[in-house]
Amino acid sequence: MMRLDVFLKTSRLVKRRSVAKELCDRGGVRIAGLPAKAGRELKAGDVITLSFRGRNLTIETVEIPSGNVPKDKAAGIYRIIGDTPVSEDN
């Protein structure tokens, strides 16, 4: 098991764990359509939607690593399901 904020940092979807926590606190991270807290424990198969940088990125966790992951293997712990731009005109 791994915390959501640690997973986002380990997967290199965000640069720092503190940024991942802030994103969660603002409601920019959803798991199965529900807002997720930074401390939420993840399991393989969870579907995560990130709303940041003018887009919605939806991923599925493929594996939950037990520690640090080399940079060249980081993209292998998740699978991109969708990546859609979001209009800032709302």
PDB file of N, CA and C in Angstrom:
ATOM      1  N   MET A   1       0.848  -1.185   0.000  1.00  0.00           N
ATOM      2  CA  MET A   1       0.000   0.000   0.000  1.00  0.00           C
ATOM      3  C   MET A   1       0.891   1.245   0.000  1.00  0.00           C
ATOM      4  N   MET A   2       0.386   2.288  -0.635  1.00  0.00           N
ATOM      5  CA  MET A   2       1.132   3.534  -0.727  1.00  0.00           C
ATOM      6  C   MET A   2       0.131   4.687  -0.683  1.00  0.00           C
ATOM      7  N   ARG A   3       0.516   5.756  -0.004  1.00  0.00           N
ATOM      8  CA  ARG A   3      -0.309   6.953   0.058  1.00  0.00           C
ATOM      9  C   ARG A   3      -0.425   7.587  -1.327  1.00  0.00           C
ATOM     10  N   LEU A   4      -1.550   8.228  -1.577  1.00  0.00           N
ATOM     11  CA  LEU A   4      -1.798   8.883  -2.851  1.00  0.00           C
ATOM     12  C   LEU A   4      -0.731   9.927  -3.168  1.00  0.00           C
ATOM     13  N   ASP A   5      -0.403  10.802  -2.209  1.00  0.00           N
ATOM     14  CA  ASP A   5       0.581  11.850  -2.482  1.00  0.00           C
ATOM     15  C   ASP A   5       1.962  11.274  -2.789  1.00  0.00           C
ATOM     16  N   VAL A   6       2.323  10.199  -2.135  1.00  0.00           N
ATOM     17  CA  VAL A   6       3.612   9.542  -2.397  1.00  0.00           C
ATOM     18  C   VAL A   6       3.596   8.894  -3.788  1.00  0.00           C
ATOM     19  N   PHE A   7       2.478   8.286  -4.153  1.00  0.00           N
ATOM     20  CA  PHE A   7       2.368   7.674  -5.478  1.00  0.00           C
ATOM     21  C   PHE A   7       2.522   8.726  -6.577  1.00  0.00           C
ATOM     22  N   LEU A   8       1.853   9.862  -6.422  1.00  0.00           N
ATOM     23  CA  LEU A   8       1.935  10.915  -7.439  1.00  0.00           C
ATOM     24  C   LEU A   8       3.362  11.420  -7.599  1.00  0.00           C
ATOM     25  N   LYS A   9       4.092  11.512  -6.499  1.00  0.00           N
ATOM     26  CA  LYS A   9       5.487  11.938  -6.565  1.00  0.00           C
ATOM     27  C   LYS A   9       6.369  10.839  -7.152  1.00  0.00           C
ATOM     28  N   THR A  10       6.187   9.610  -6.710  1.00  0.00           N
ATOM     29  CA  THR A  10       6.983   8.470  -7.182  1.00  0.00           C
ATOM     30  C   THR A  10       6.782   8.238  -8.675  1.00  0.00           C
ATOM     31  N   SER A  11       5.555   8.436  -9.146  1.00  0.00           N
ATOM     32  CA  SER A  11       5.253   8.243 -10.571  1.00  0.00           C
ATOM     33  C   SER A  11       5.716   9.422 -11.412  1.00  0.00           C
ATOM     34  N   ARG A  12       6.129  10.475 -10.744  1.00  0.00           N
ATOM     35  CA  ARG A  12       6.596  11.700 -11.390  1.00  0.00           C
ATOM     36  C   ARG A  12       5.484  12.449 -12.129  1.00  0.00           C
ATOM     37  N   LEU A  13       4.246  12.239 -11.699  1.00  0.00           N
ATOM     38  CA  LEU A  13       3.132  13.029 -12.228  1.00  0.00           C
ATOM     39  C   LEU A  13       3.159  14.433 -11.633  1.00  0.00           C
ATOM     40  N   VAL A  14       3.704  14.557 -10.420  1.00  0.00           N
ATOM     41  CA  VAL A  14       3.972  15.855  -9.794  1.00  0.00           C
ATOM     42  C   VAL A  14       5.410  15.833  -9.302  1.00  0.00           C
ATOM     43  N   LYS A  15       5.997  17.021  -9.161  1.00  0.00           N
ATOM     44  CA  LYS A  15       7.421  17.084  -8.814  1.00  0.00           C
ATOM     45  C   LYS A  15       7.707  16.834  -7.338  1.00  0.00           C
ATOM     46  N   ARG A  16       6.806  17.305  -6.469  1.00  0.00           N
ATOM     47  CA  ARG A  16       7.054  17.170  -5.037  1.00  0.00           C
ATOM     48  C   ARG A  16       5.802  16.670  -4.322  1.00  0.00           C
ATOM     49  N   ARG A  17       6.028  15.993  -3.213  1.00  0.00           N
ATOM     50  CA  ARG A  17       4.915  15.471  -2.422  1.00  0.00           C
ATOM     51  C   ARG A  17       4.045  16.610  -1.891  1.00  0.00           C
ATOM     52  N   SER A  18       4.657  17.731  -1.538  1.00  0.00           N
ATOM     53  CA  SER A  18       3.884  18.873  -1.034  1.00  0.00           C
ATOM     54  C   SER A  18       2.944  19.418  -2.113  1.00  0.00           C
ATOM     55  N   VAL A  19       3.383  19.379  -3.371  1.00  0.00           N
ATOM     56  CA  VAL A  19       2.526  19.810  -4.482  1.00  0.00           C
ATOM     57  C   VAL A  19       1.355  18.848  -4.634  1.00  0.00           C
ATOM     58  N   ALA A  20       1.612  17.555  -4.485  1.00  0.00           N
ATOM     59  CA  ALA A  20       0.547  16.548  -4.563  1.00  0.00           C
ATOM     60  C   ALA A  20      -0.475  16.768  -3.451  1.00  0.00           C
ATOM     61  N   LYS A  21      -0.007  17.071  -2.247  1.00  0.00           N
ATOM     62  CA  LYS A  21      -0.908  17.316  -1.123  1.00  0.00           C
ATOM     63  C   LYS A  21      -1.768  18.542  -1.384  1.00  0.00           C
ATOM     64  N   GLU A  22      -1.159  19.619  -1.894  1.00  0.00           N
ATOM     65  CA  GLU A  22      -1.921  20.834  -2.199  1.00  0.00           C
ATOM     66  C   GLU A  22      -2.986  20.564  -3.266  1.00  0.00           C
ATOM     67  N   LEU A  23      -2.622  19.785  -4.271  1.00  0.00           N
ATOM     68  CA  LEU A  23      -3.565  19.426  -5.329  1.00  0.00           C
ATOM     69  C   LEU A  23      -4.753  18.658  -4.741  1.00  0.00           C
ATOM     70  N   CYS A  24      -4.482  17.735  -3.846  1.00  0.00           N
ATOM     71  CA  CYS A  24      -5.551  16.980  -3.176  1.00  0.00           C
ATOM     72  C   CYS A  24      -6.413  17.904  -2.316  1.00  0.00           C
ATOM     73  N   ASP A  25      -5.775  18.796  -1.568  1.00  0.00           N
ATOM     74  CA  ASP A  25      -6.496  19.715  -0.686  1.00  0.00           C
ATOM     75  C   ASP A  25      -7.429  20.645  -1.460  1.00  0.00           C
ATOM     76  N   ARG A  26      -7.070  21.003  -2.685  1.00  0.00           N
ATOM     77  CA  ARG A  26      -7.898  21.874  -3.538  1.00  0.00           C
ATOM     78  C   ARG A  26      -9.005  21.110  -4.247  1.00  0.00           C
ATOM     79  N   GLY A  27      -9.013  19.796  -4.123  1.00  0.00           N
ATOM     80  CA  GLY A  27     -10.024  18.988  -4.795  1.00  0.00           C
ATOM     81  C   GLY A  27      -9.655  18.635  -6.224  1.00  0.00           C
ATOM     82  N   GLY A  28      -8.381  18.747  -6.563  1.00  0.00           N
ATOM     83  CA  GLY A  28      -7.925  18.476  -7.920  1.00  0.00           C
ATOM     84  C   GLY A  28      -7.606  17.023  -8.191  1.00  0.00           C
ATOM     85  N   VAL A  29      -7.828  16.146  -7.206  1.00  0.00           N
ATOM     86  CA  VAL A  29      -7.563  14.713  -7.390  1.00  0.00           C
ATOM     87  C   VAL A  29      -8.815  13.941  -6.991  1.00  0.00           C
ATOM     88  N   ARG A  30      -9.242  13.059  -7.898  1.00  0.00           N
ATOM     89  CA  ARG A  30     -10.416  12.227  -7.625  1.00  0.00           C
ATOM     90  C   ARG A  30     -10.049  10.767  -7.865  1.00  0.00           C
ATOM     91  N   ILE A  31     -10.577   9.900  -7.020  1.00  0.00           N
ATOM     92  CA  ILE A  31     -10.415   8.458  -7.204  1.00  0.00           C
ATOM     93  C   ILE A  31     -11.817   7.894  -7.360  1.00  0.00           C
ATOM     94  N   ALA A  32     -12.046   7.222  -8.478  1.00  0.00           N
ATOM     95  CA  ALA A  32     -13.364   6.672  -8.806  1.00  0.00           C
ATOM     96  C   ALA A  32     -14.434   7.758  -8.756  1.00  0.00           C
ATOM     97  N   GLY A  33     -14.076   8.974  -9.155  1.00  0.00           N
ATOM     98  CA  GLY A  33     -15.025  10.073  -9.228  1.00  0.00           C
ATOM     99  C   GLY A  33     -15.246  10.831  -7.937  1.00  0.00           C
ATOM    100  N   LEU A  34     -14.642  10.393  -6.833  1.00  0.00           N
ATOM    101  CA  LEU A  34     -14.821  11.055  -5.544  1.00  0.00           C
ATOM    102  C   LEU A  34     -13.552  11.797  -5.140  1.00  0.00           C
ATOM    103  N   PRO A  35     -13.677  12.990  -4.512  1.00  0.00           N
ATOM    104  CA  PRO A  35     -12.489  13.725  -4.075  1.00  0.00           C
ATOM    105  C   PRO A  35     -11.631  12.853  -3.160  1.00  0.00           C
ATOM    106  N   ALA A  36     -10.315  12.944  -3.349  1.00  0.00           N
ATOM    107  CA  ALA A  36      -9.403  12.085  -2.586  1.00  0.00           C
ATOM    108  C   ALA A  36      -8.463  12.916  -1.730  1.00  0.00           C
ATOM    109  N   LYS A  37      -8.206  12.434  -0.536  1.00  0.00           N
ATOM    110  CA  LYS A  37      -7.250  13.074   0.361  1.00  0.00           C
ATOM    111  C   LYS A  37      -5.858  12.520   0.093  1.00  0.00           C
ATOM    112  N   ALA A  38      -4.842  13.298   0.455  1.00  0.00           N
ATOM    113  CA  ALA A  38      -3.447  12.930   0.198  1.00  0.00           C
ATOM    114  C   ALA A  38      -3.060  11.619   0.887  1.00  0.00           C
ATOM    115  N   GLY A  39      -3.648  11.318   2.012  1.00  0.00           N
ATOM    116  CA  GLY A  39      -3.292  10.127   2.774  1.00  0.00           C
ATOM    117  C   GLY A  39      -4.020   8.863   2.352  1.00  0.00           C
ATOM    118  N   ARG A  40      -4.865   8.951   1.350  1.00  0.00           N
ATOM    119  CA  ARG A  40      -5.618   7.786   0.877  1.00  0.00           C
ATOM    120  C   ARG A  40      -4.665   6.694   0.413  1.00  0.00           C
ATOM    121  N   GLU A  41      -4.897   5.476   0.867  1.00  0.00           N
ATOM    122  CA  GLU A  41      -4.069   4.339   0.459  1.00  0.00           C
ATOM    123  C   GLU A  41      -4.548   3.828  -0.895  1.00  0.00           C
ATOM    124  N   LEU A  42      -3.613   3.635  -1.805  1.00  0.00           N
ATOM    125  CA  LEU A  42      -3.939   3.169  -3.155  1.00  0.00           C
ATOM    126  C   LEU A  42      -3.717   1.674  -3.288  1.00  0.00           C
ATOM    127  N   LYS A  43      -4.413   1.103  -4.270  1.00  0.00           N
ATOM    128  CA  LYS A  43      -4.179  -0.286  -4.642  1.00  0.00           C
ATOM    129  C   LYS A  43      -4.152  -0.350  -6.163  1.00  0.00           C
ATOM    130  N   ALA A  44      -3.594  -1.400  -6.701  1.00  0.00           N
ATOM    131  CA  ALA A  44      -3.541  -1.570  -8.150  1.00  0.00           C
ATOM    132  C   ALA A  44      -4.964  -1.594  -8.699  1.00  0.00           C
ATOM    133  N   GLY A  45      -5.178  -0.899  -9.800  1.00  0.00           N
ATOM    134  CA  GLY A  45      -6.489  -0.840 -10.422  1.00  0.00           C
ATOM    135  C   GLY A  45      -7.290   0.404 -10.088  1.00  0.00           C
ATOM    136  N   ASP A  46      -6.822   1.214  -9.125  1.00  0.00           N
ATOM    137  CA  ASP A  46      -7.523   2.458  -8.808  1.00  0.00           C
ATOM    138  C   ASP A  46      -7.456   3.402 -10.003  1.00  0.00           C
ATOM    139  N   VAL A  47      -8.565   4.090 -10.281  1.00  0.00           N
ATOM    140  CA  VAL A  47      -8.624   5.076 -11.361  1.00  0.00           C
ATOM    141  C   VAL A  47      -8.574   6.469 -10.730  1.00  0.00           C
ATOM    142  N   ILE A  48      -7.548   7.234 -11.108  1.00  0.00           N
ATOM    143  CA  ILE A  48      -7.285   8.553 -10.530  1.00  0.00           C
ATOM    144  C   ILE A  48      -7.440   9.605 -11.619  1.00  0.00           C
ATOM    145  N   THR A  49      -8.157  10.686 -11.301  1.00  0.00           N
ATOM    146  CA  THR A  49      -8.266  11.818 -12.217  1.00  0.00           C
ATOM    147  C   THR A  49      -7.608  13.022 -11.570  1.00  0.00           C
ATOM    148  N   LEU A  50      -6.659  13.611 -12.290  1.00  0.00           N
ATOM    149  CA  LEU A  50      -5.940  14.800 -11.829  1.00  0.00           C
ATOM    150  C   LEU A  50      -6.384  15.984 -12.670  1.00  0.00           C
ATOM    151  N   SER A  51      -6.758  17.078 -12.023  1.00  0.00           N
ATOM    152  CA  SER A  51      -7.135  18.303 -12.724  1.00  0.00           C
ATOM    153  C   SER A  51      -6.060  19.343 -12.441  1.00  0.00           C
ATOM    154  N   PHE A  52      -5.174  19.543 -13.407  1.00  0.00           N
ATOM    155  CA  PHE A  52      -4.099  20.504 -13.238  1.00  0.00           C
ATOM    156  C   PHE A  52      -3.518  20.897 -14.588  1.00  0.00           C
ATOM    157  N   ARG A  53      -2.863  22.043 -14.621  1.00  0.00           N
ATOM    158  CA  ARG A  53      -2.216  22.569 -15.827  1.00  0.00           C
ATOM    159  C   ARG A  53      -3.165  22.638 -17.019  1.00  0.00           C
ATOM    160  N   GLY A  54      -4.414  23.006 -16.773  1.00  0.00           N
ATOM    161  CA  GLY A  54      -5.381  23.169 -17.852  1.00  0.00           C
ATOM    162  C   GLY A  54      -5.835  21.881 -18.520  1.00  0.00           C
ATOM    163  N   ARG A  55      -5.759  20.782 -17.789  1.00  0.00           N
ATOM    164  CA  ARG A  55      -6.201  19.513 -18.364  1.00  0.00           C
ATOM    165  C   ARG A  55      -6.695  18.572 -17.272  1.00  0.00           C
ATOM    166  N   ASN A  56      -7.431  17.571 -17.700  1.00  0.00           N
ATOM    167  CA  ASN A  56      -7.838  16.475 -16.817  1.00  0.00           C
ATOM    168  C   ASN A  56      -7.119  15.231 -17.301  1.00  0.00           C
ATOM    169  N   LEU A  57      -6.289  14.674 -16.443  1.00  0.00           N
ATOM    170  CA  LEU A  57      -5.527  13.469 -16.766  1.00  0.00           C
ATOM    171  C   LEU A  57      -6.104  12.323 -15.947  1.00  0.00           C
ATOM    172  N   THR A  58      -6.550  11.274 -16.621  1.00  0.00           N
ATOM    173  CA  THR A  58      -7.103  10.107 -15.940  1.00  0.00           C
ATOM    174  C   THR A  58      -6.156   8.937 -16.141  1.00  0.00           C
ATOM    175  N   ILE A  59      -5.751   8.333 -15.022  1.00  0.00           N
ATOM    176  CA  ILE A  59      -4.824   7.204 -15.058  1.00  0.00           C
ATOM    177  C   ILE A  59      -5.386   6.043 -14.264  1.00  0.00           C
ATOM    178  N   GLU A  60      -4.858   4.866 -14.542  1.00  0.00           N
ATOM    179  CA  GLU A  60      -5.157   3.675 -13.742  1.00  0.00           C
ATOM    180  C   GLU A  60      -3.843   3.182 -13.162  1.00  0.00           C
ATOM    181  N   THR A  61      -3.823   2.895 -11.862  1.00  0.00           N
ATOM    182  CA  THR A  61      -2.608   2.376 -11.252  1.00  0.00           C
ATOM    183  C   THR A  61      -2.414   0.936 -11.709  1.00  0.00           C
ATOM    184  N   VAL A  62      -1.226   0.646 -12.233  1.00  0.00           N
ATOM    185  CA  VAL A  62      -0.908  -0.697 -12.706  1.00  0.00           C
ATOM    186  C   VAL A  62      -0.261  -1.496 -11.583  1.00  0.00           C
ATOM    187  N   GLU A  63       0.645  -0.838 -10.871  1.00  0.00           N
ATOM    188  CA  GLU A  63       1.287  -1.486  -9.726  1.00  0.00           C
ATOM    189  C   GLU A  63       1.586  -0.449  -8.673  1.00  0.00           C
ATOM    190  N   ILE A  64       1.632  -0.879  -7.442  1.00  0.00           N
ATOM    191  CA  ILE A  64       1.980  -0.002  -6.340  1.00  0.00           C
ATOM    192  C   ILE A  64       3.381  -0.413  -5.890  1.00  0.00           C
ATOM    193  N   PRO A  65       4.387   0.426  -6.166  1.00  0.00           N
ATOM    194  CA  PRO A  65       5.765   0.063  -5.814  1.00  0.00           C
ATOM    195  C   PRO A  65       5.976   0.081  -4.303  1.00  0.00           C
ATOM    196  N   SER A  66       6.995  -0.633  -3.857  1.00  0.00           N
ATOM    197  CA  SER A  66       7.277  -0.682  -2.423  1.00  0.00           C
ATOM    198  C   SER A  66       8.276   0.390  -2.003  1.00  0.00           C
ATOM    199  N   GLY A  67       8.811   1.131  -2.941  1.00  0.00           N
ATOM    200  CA  GLY A  67       9.766   2.187  -2.619  1.00  0.00           C
ATOM    201  C   GLY A  67       9.976   3.082  -3.819  1.00  0.00           C
ATOM    202  N   ASN A  68      11.163   3.667  -3.900  1.00  0.00           N
ATOM    203  CA  ASN A  68      11.470   4.546  -5.020  1.00  0.00           C
ATOM    204  C   ASN A  68      11.518   3.767  -6.325  1.00  0.00           C
ATOM    205  N   VAL A  69      11.216   4.472  -7.409  1.00  0.00           N
ATOM    206  CA  VAL A  69      11.186   3.873  -8.732  1.00  0.00           C
ATOM    207  C   VAL A  69      12.158   4.656  -9.618  1.00  0.00           C
ATOM    208  N   PRO A  70      13.020   3.975 -10.376  1.00  0.00           N
ATOM    209  CA  PRO A  70      13.919   4.689 -11.286  1.00  0.00           C
ATOM    210  C   PRO A  70      13.120   5.520 -12.296  1.00  0.00           C
ATOM    211  N   LYS A  71      13.692   6.638 -12.713  1.00  0.00           N
ATOM    212  CA  LYS A  71      13.006   7.565 -13.616  1.00  0.00           C
ATOM    213  C   LYS A  71      12.493   6.877 -14.878  1.00  0.00           C
ATOM    214  N   ASP A  72      13.288   5.990 -15.452  1.00  0.00           N
ATOM    215  CA  ASP A  72      12.884   5.338 -16.699  1.00  0.00           C
ATOM    216  C   ASP A  72      11.775   4.307 -16.508  1.00  0.00           C
ATOM    217  N   LYS A  73      11.489   3.912 -15.274  1.00  0.00           N
ATOM    218  CA  LYS A  73      10.429   2.934 -14.996  1.00  0.00           C
ATOM    219  C   LYS A  73       9.178   3.581 -14.390  1.00  0.00           C
ATOM    220  N   ALA A  74       9.238   4.887 -14.077  1.00  0.00           N
ATOM    221  CA  ALA A  74       8.134   5.557 -13.379  1.00  0.00           C
ATOM    222  C   ALA A  74       6.831   5.510 -14.166  1.00  0.00           C
ATOM    223  N   ALA A  75       6.887   5.695 -15.481  1.00  0.00           N
ATOM    224  CA  ALA A  75       5.664   5.690 -16.282  1.00  0.00           C
ATOM    225  C   ALA A  75       5.031   4.307 -16.365  1.00  0.00           C
ATOM    226  N   GLY A  76       5.742   3.271 -15.963  1.00  0.00           N
ATOM    227  CA  GLY A  76       5.213   1.915 -16.021  1.00  0.00           C
ATOM    228  C   GLY A  76       4.320   1.533 -14.854  1.00  0.00           C
ATOM    229  N   ILE A  77       4.251   2.387 -13.831  1.00  0.00           N
ATOM    230  CA  ILE A  77       3.414   2.040 -12.679  1.00  0.00           C
ATOM    231  C   ILE A  77       1.982   2.545 -12.837  1.00  0.00           C
ATOM    232  N   TYR A  78       1.718   3.261 -13.951  1.00  0.00           N
ATOM    233  CA  TYR A  78       0.362   3.700 -14.241  1.00  0.00           C
ATOM    234  C   TYR A  78       0.109   3.639 -15.745  1.00  0.00           C
ATOM    235  N   ARG A  79      -1.172   3.670 -16.106  1.00  0.00           N
ATOM    236  CA  ARG A  79      -1.576   3.656 -17.515  1.00  0.00           C
ATOM    237  C   ARG A  79      -2.513   4.833 -17.733  1.00  0.00           C
ATOM    238  N   ILE A  80      -2.236   5.625 -18.768  1.00  0.00           N
ATOM    239  CA  ILE A  80      -3.082   6.779 -19.067  1.00  0.00           C
ATOM    240  C   ILE A  80      -4.364   6.301 -19.751  1.00  0.00           C
ATOM    241  N   ILE A  81      -5.494   6.684 -19.185  1.00  0.00           N
ATOM    242  CA  ILE A  81      -6.793   6.336 -19.734  1.00  0.00           C
ATOM    243  C   ILE A  81      -7.323   7.495 -20.580  1.00  0.00           C
ATOM    244  N   GLY A  82      -7.132   8.707 -20.093  1.00  0.00           N
ATOM    245  CA  GLY A  82      -7.619   9.881 -20.819  1.00  0.00           C
ATOM    246  C   GLY A  82      -6.830  11.121 -20.466  1.00  0.00           C
ATOM    247  N   ASP A  83      -6.733  12.042 -21.423  1.00  0.00           N
ATOM    248  CA  ASP A  83      -6.030  13.301 -21.216  1.00  0.00           C
ATOM    249  C   ASP A  83      -6.767  14.349 -22.033  1.00  0.00           C
ATOM    250  N   THR A  84      -7.616  15.139 -21.350  1.00  0.00           N
ATOM    251  CA  THR A  84      -8.439  16.108 -22.052  1.00  0.00           C
ATOM    252  C   THR A  84      -8.142  17.523 -21.580  1.00  0.00           C
ATOM    253  N   PRO A  85      -8.051  18.468 -22.529  1.00  0.00           N
ATOM    254  CA  PRO A  85      -7.855  19.875 -22.146  1.00  0.00           C
ATOM    255  C   PRO A  85      -9.117  20.419 -21.478  1.00  0.00           C
ATOM    256  N   VAL A  86      -8.921  21.375 -20.574  1.00  0.00           N
ATOM    257  CA  VAL A  86     -10.025  21.990 -19.869  1.00  0.00           C
ATOM    258  C   VAL A  86     -10.024  23.478 -20.190  1.00  0.00           C
ATOM    259  N   SER A  87     -11.168  23.991 -20.543  1.00  0.00           N
ATOM    260  CA  SER A  87     -11.294  25.417 -20.841  1.00  0.00           C
ATOM    261  C   SER A  87     -11.198  26.217 -19.560  1.00  0.00           C
ATOM    262  N   GLU A  88     -10.413  27.284 -19.579  1.00  0.00           N
ATOM    263  CA  GLU A  88     -10.252  28.152 -18.410  1.00  0.00           C
ATOM    264  C   GLU A  88     -11.327  29.245 -18.379  1.00  0.00           C
ATOM    265  N   ASP A  89     -12.267  29.222 -19.330  1.00  0.00           N
ATOM    266  CA  ASP A  89     -13.269  30.289 -19.449  1.00  0.00           C
ATOM    267  C   ASP A  89     -14.456  30.129 -18.522  1.00  0.00           C
ATOM    268  N   ASN A  90     -14.488  29.107 -17.669  1.00  0.00           N
ATOM    269  CA  ASN A  90     -15.642  28.837 -16.812  1.00  0.00           C
ATOM    270  C   ASN A  90     -15.874  29.914 -15.830  1.00  0.00           C
TER     271      ASN A  90
END
